[in-house]
Amino acid sequence: MSTTSPIAATPTRSQRLKAATHATHDRLDQRIMRGDPFASTDNYRRFLRVQYRFHRDIAALYAMPALHALVDDLAERHRLQELVADLADLGEPVPADDGRALPADVDLATALGWLYVAEGSNLGAAILFKLAARIGLDETRGARHLAGHPEGRARHWRQFTAALDGAALDPAQEQHMIDGATQAFVRVHGYVEQAFAA
């Protein structure tokens, strides 16, 4: 009787992207949690500033025709206005524009990498939303941007990864996508360092 080992499935593009950015993503998560953003409202304000700056930086993505062609509900995935409202709830001014926003003509592959980071943060926000409730915040005050999609976070994420996996990218473009996601994680890490330095 012979035994055969199962053939390993080829990883999807989104799985390859996750693997390629794992270390950078993990460093960011650890740095955020060292800041203990849900220990107090003051710490949470710092976290909100980070979130706002990142989502302001990627605002141009949500107007890209090429991304709209891939992600049907792209416009409703944008959370910048929710962040503005969350900041206002806590009496926190909108951070000044530092001119680091992505350009409107960013290439599709790089844009997908940055969008992957935004969409992944929305998926991971399920835990953060529960932590925000401990300091009295919810989808009506202070934590709107952390609230889940009405259809559910997991389904929303699967719809995005299906679009990402189905995009027509060659190997060079896929590397641009990985580079874009890495740049996004590094950008957010820098914002966290600034916000939680004091």
Protein backbone atom coordinates (compact mmCIF):
# COMPACT_ATOMS: atom_id res chain seq x y z
CA MET A 1 0.00 0.00 0.00
CA SER A 2 1.49 3.30 -1.05
CA THR A 3 0.90 6.61 0.62
CA THR A 4 0.95 9.89 -1.17
CA SER A 5 1.37 13.25 0.41
CA PRO A 6 -1.31 15.79 -0.42
CA ILE A 7 -0.32 18.41 -2.94
CA ALA A 8 -0.03 21.77 -1.25
CA ALA A 9 -2.35 24.36 -2.70
CA THR A 10 -0.68 27.30 -4.38
CA PRO A 11 -1.08 30.35 -2.13
CA THR A 12 -3.38 33.06 -3.39
CA ARG A 13 -2.03 36.53 -4.06
CA SER A 14 -3.55 37.83 -0.83
CA GLN A 15 -1.91 34.97 1.08
CA ARG A 16 1.44 35.74 -0.54
CA LEU A 17 1.01 39.40 0.35
CA LYS A 18 0.21 38.52 3.96
CA ALA A 19 3.31 36.32 4.18
CA ALA A 20 5.56 38.94 2.58
CA THR A 21 4.45 41.68 4.98
CA HIS A 22 4.01 39.58 8.12
CA ALA A 23 7.12 40.80 9.96
CA THR A 24 6.44 44.48 9.23
CA HIS A 25 2.79 44.09 10.19
CA ASP A 26 3.68 42.27 13.41
CA ARG A 27 6.13 45.01 14.45
CA LEU A 28 3.40 47.60 13.92
CA ASP A 29 0.83 45.65 15.95
CA GLN A 30 3.28 45.23 18.80
CA ARG A 31 4.15 48.93 18.79
CA ILE A 32 0.50 49.95 18.84
CA MET A 33 -0.25 47.67 21.79
CA ARG A 34 2.80 48.99 23.69
CA GLY A 35 1.10 52.38 23.48
CA ASP A 36 -1.91 50.86 25.29
CA PRO A 37 -4.38 52.90 23.21
CA PHE A 38 -7.43 51.69 25.11
CA ALA A 39 -6.10 52.31 28.62
CA SER A 40 -7.63 55.78 28.70
CA THR A 41 -9.47 58.29 26.57
CA ASP A 42 -6.26 60.31 26.28
CA ASN A 43 -4.37 57.32 24.87
CA TYR A 44 -7.25 56.61 22.53
CA ARG A 45 -7.07 60.17 21.21
CA ARG A 46 -3.47 59.47 20.21
CA PHE A 47 -4.61 56.34 18.41
CA LEU A 48 -7.32 58.32 16.61
CA ARG A 49 -4.73 60.79 15.36
CA VAL A 50 -2.73 57.90 13.89
CA GLN A 51 -5.81 56.44 12.22
CA TYR A 52 -6.90 59.79 10.81
CA ARG A 53 -3.46 60.56 9.36
CA PHE A 54 -3.27 57.18 7.61
CA HIS A 55 -6.77 57.40 6.17
CA ARG A 56 -6.17 60.98 5.05
CA ASP A 57 -3.01 59.76 3.29
CA ILE A 58 -4.95 57.16 1.30
CA ALA A 59 -8.01 59.28 0.46
CA ALA A 60 -7.05 59.42 -3.24
CA LEU A 61 -7.41 55.65 -3.53
CA TYR A 62 -11.17 55.83 -3.12
CA ALA A 63 -11.50 57.98 -6.24
CA MET A 64 -9.34 55.78 -8.50
CA PRO A 65 -11.35 54.44 -11.46
CA ALA A 66 -9.08 51.37 -11.74
CA LEU A 67 -9.74 50.45 -8.09
CA HIS A 68 -13.47 51.09 -8.49
CA ALA A 69 -13.46 48.63 -11.39
CA LEU A 70 -12.03 45.95 -9.08
CA VAL A 71 -13.84 46.74 -5.83
CA ASP A 72 -17.54 47.46 -6.40
CA ASP A 73 -18.21 49.08 -3.02
CA LEU A 74 -14.92 50.95 -2.78
CA ALA A 75 -16.45 54.32 -1.90
CA GLU A 76 -18.31 53.00 1.13
CA ARG A 77 -15.14 51.39 2.50
CA HIS A 78 -13.56 54.80 3.11
CA ARG A 79 -13.57 55.68 6.83
CA LEU A 80 -12.15 59.21 6.84
CA GLN A 81 -15.45 60.93 7.63
CA GLU A 82 -16.09 58.53 10.51
CA LEU A 83 -12.67 59.43 11.86
CA VAL A 84 -13.42 63.14 11.61
CA ALA A 85 -16.61 62.54 13.62
CA ASP A 86 -14.76 60.38 16.17
CA LEU A 87 -12.18 63.12 16.69
CA ALA A 88 -14.94 65.70 17.13
CA ASP A 89 -16.70 63.50 19.69
CA LEU A 90 -13.60 63.61 21.86
CA GLY A 91 -12.86 67.28 21.32
CA GLU A 92 -9.74 66.43 19.36
CA PRO A 93 -8.75 68.74 16.47
CA VAL A 94 -8.14 67.24 13.05
CA PRO A 95 -4.37 66.79 12.64
CA ALA A 96 -2.72 69.26 10.29
CA ASP A 97 -2.02 68.08 6.76
CA ASP A 98 1.67 67.19 6.45
CA GLY A 99 1.63 66.72 2.68
CA ARG A 100 2.27 62.98 2.76
CA ALA A 101 -0.89 61.87 0.98
CA LEU A 102 -0.64 59.35 -1.84
CA PRO A 103 -0.88 60.99 -5.28
CA ALA A 104 -4.00 60.50 -7.34
CA ASP A 105 -1.94 58.88 -10.11
CA VAL A 106 -0.43 56.11 -7.97
CA ASP A 107 -0.21 52.88 -9.96
CA LEU A 108 -2.88 50.23 -9.41
CA ALA A 109 -0.58 47.60 -7.92
CA THR A 110 0.86 49.98 -5.32
CA ALA A 111 -2.64 51.25 -4.58
CA LEU A 112 -3.81 47.69 -3.93
CA GLY A 113 -1.01 47.24 -1.43
CA TRP A 114 -2.00 50.33 0.52
CA LEU A 115 -5.67 49.41 0.34
CA TYR A 116 -4.85 45.93 1.65
CA VAL A 117 -3.49 47.54 4.82
CA ALA A 118 -6.62 49.67 5.24
CA GLU A 119 -8.93 46.72 4.68
CA GLY A 120 -6.91 44.50 6.98
CA SER A 121 -7.11 47.09 9.73
CA ASN A 122 -10.89 47.11 9.34
CA LEU A 123 -10.98 43.34 9.76
CA GLY A 124 -8.76 43.52 12.83
CA ALA A 125 -10.84 46.33 14.29
CA ALA A 126 -13.34 43.80 15.66
CA ILE A 127 -11.14 43.36 18.74
CA LEU A 128 -10.36 47.07 18.97
CA PHE A 129 -14.06 47.94 18.86
CA LYS A 130 -14.64 45.76 21.93
CA LEU A 131 -11.71 47.40 23.72
CA ALA A 132 -13.10 50.85 22.89
CA ALA A 133 -16.36 49.88 24.59
CA ARG A 134 -14.43 49.53 27.86
CA ILE A 135 -13.72 53.26 27.82
CA GLY A 136 -17.30 54.16 26.90
CA LEU A 137 -16.97 54.47 23.12
CA ASP A 138 -19.11 52.85 20.43
CA GLU A 139 -20.44 53.25 16.88
CA THR A 140 -22.32 56.42 17.90
CA ARG A 141 -19.50 58.12 19.81
CA GLY A 142 -15.77 58.02 19.31
CA ALA A 143 -15.45 54.60 17.68
CA ARG A 144 -17.48 54.90 14.48
CA HIS A 145 -14.47 54.04 12.33
CA LEU A 146 -13.99 50.77 14.23
CA ALA A 147 -17.56 49.56 13.74
CA GLY A 148 -18.09 46.55 11.50
CA HIS A 149 -19.72 46.50 8.10
CA PRO A 150 -23.47 45.67 8.18
CA GLU A 151 -22.80 42.52 6.13
CA GLY A 152 -20.09 41.43 8.57
CA ARG A 153 -16.35 42.04 8.66
CA ALA A 154 -15.35 38.59 7.39
CA ARG A 155 -17.60 38.75 4.34
CA HIS A 156 -16.42 42.28 3.59
CA TRP A 157 -12.79 41.11 3.81
CA ARG A 158 -13.40 38.08 1.59
CA GLN A 159 -14.97 40.32 -1.06
CA PHE A 160 -11.87 42.49 -1.02
CA THR A 161 -9.37 39.62 -1.15
CA ALA A 162 -11.32 38.02 -4.00
CA ALA A 163 -10.93 41.28 -5.95
CA LEU A 164 -7.23 41.48 -5.08
CA ASP A 165 -6.63 37.85 -6.03
CA GLY A 166 -8.46 38.33 -9.32
CA ALA A 167 -6.63 41.47 -10.42
CA ALA A 168 -4.51 41.07 -13.56
CA LEU A 169 -1.02 41.72 -12.19
CA ASP A 170 2.26 40.42 -13.53
CA PRO A 171 5.10 39.41 -11.14
CA ALA A 172 6.66 42.89 -11.25
CA GLN A 173 3.32 44.49 -10.42
CA GLU A 174 2.77 42.01 -7.62
CA GLN A 175 6.08 43.16 -6.14
CA HIS A 176 4.86 46.76 -6.41
CA MET A 177 1.78 45.68 -4.46
CA ILE A 178 3.95 44.11 -1.74
CA ASP A 179 6.10 47.24 -1.66
CA GLY A 180 3.00 49.41 -1.34
CA ALA A 181 1.67 47.40 1.59
CA THR A 182 5.06 47.49 3.28
CA GLN A 183 5.25 51.26 2.80
CA ALA A 184 1.79 51.61 4.33
CA PHE A 185 2.72 49.58 7.42
CA VAL A 186 5.92 51.59 7.82
CA ARG A 187 4.03 54.87 7.42
CA VAL A 188 1.56 53.93 10.15
CA HIS A 189 4.43 52.78 12.38
CA GLY A 190 5.97 56.23 12.03
CA TYR A 191 2.69 57.87 12.99
CA VAL A 192 2.40 55.62 16.04
CA GLU A 193 5.91 56.54 17.13
CA GLN A 194 5.04 60.22 16.88
CA ALA A 195 1.70 59.92 18.65
CA PHE A 196 2.88 57.76 21.53
CA ALA A 197 6.37 59.20 21.98
CA ALA A 198 5.42 61.46 24.89
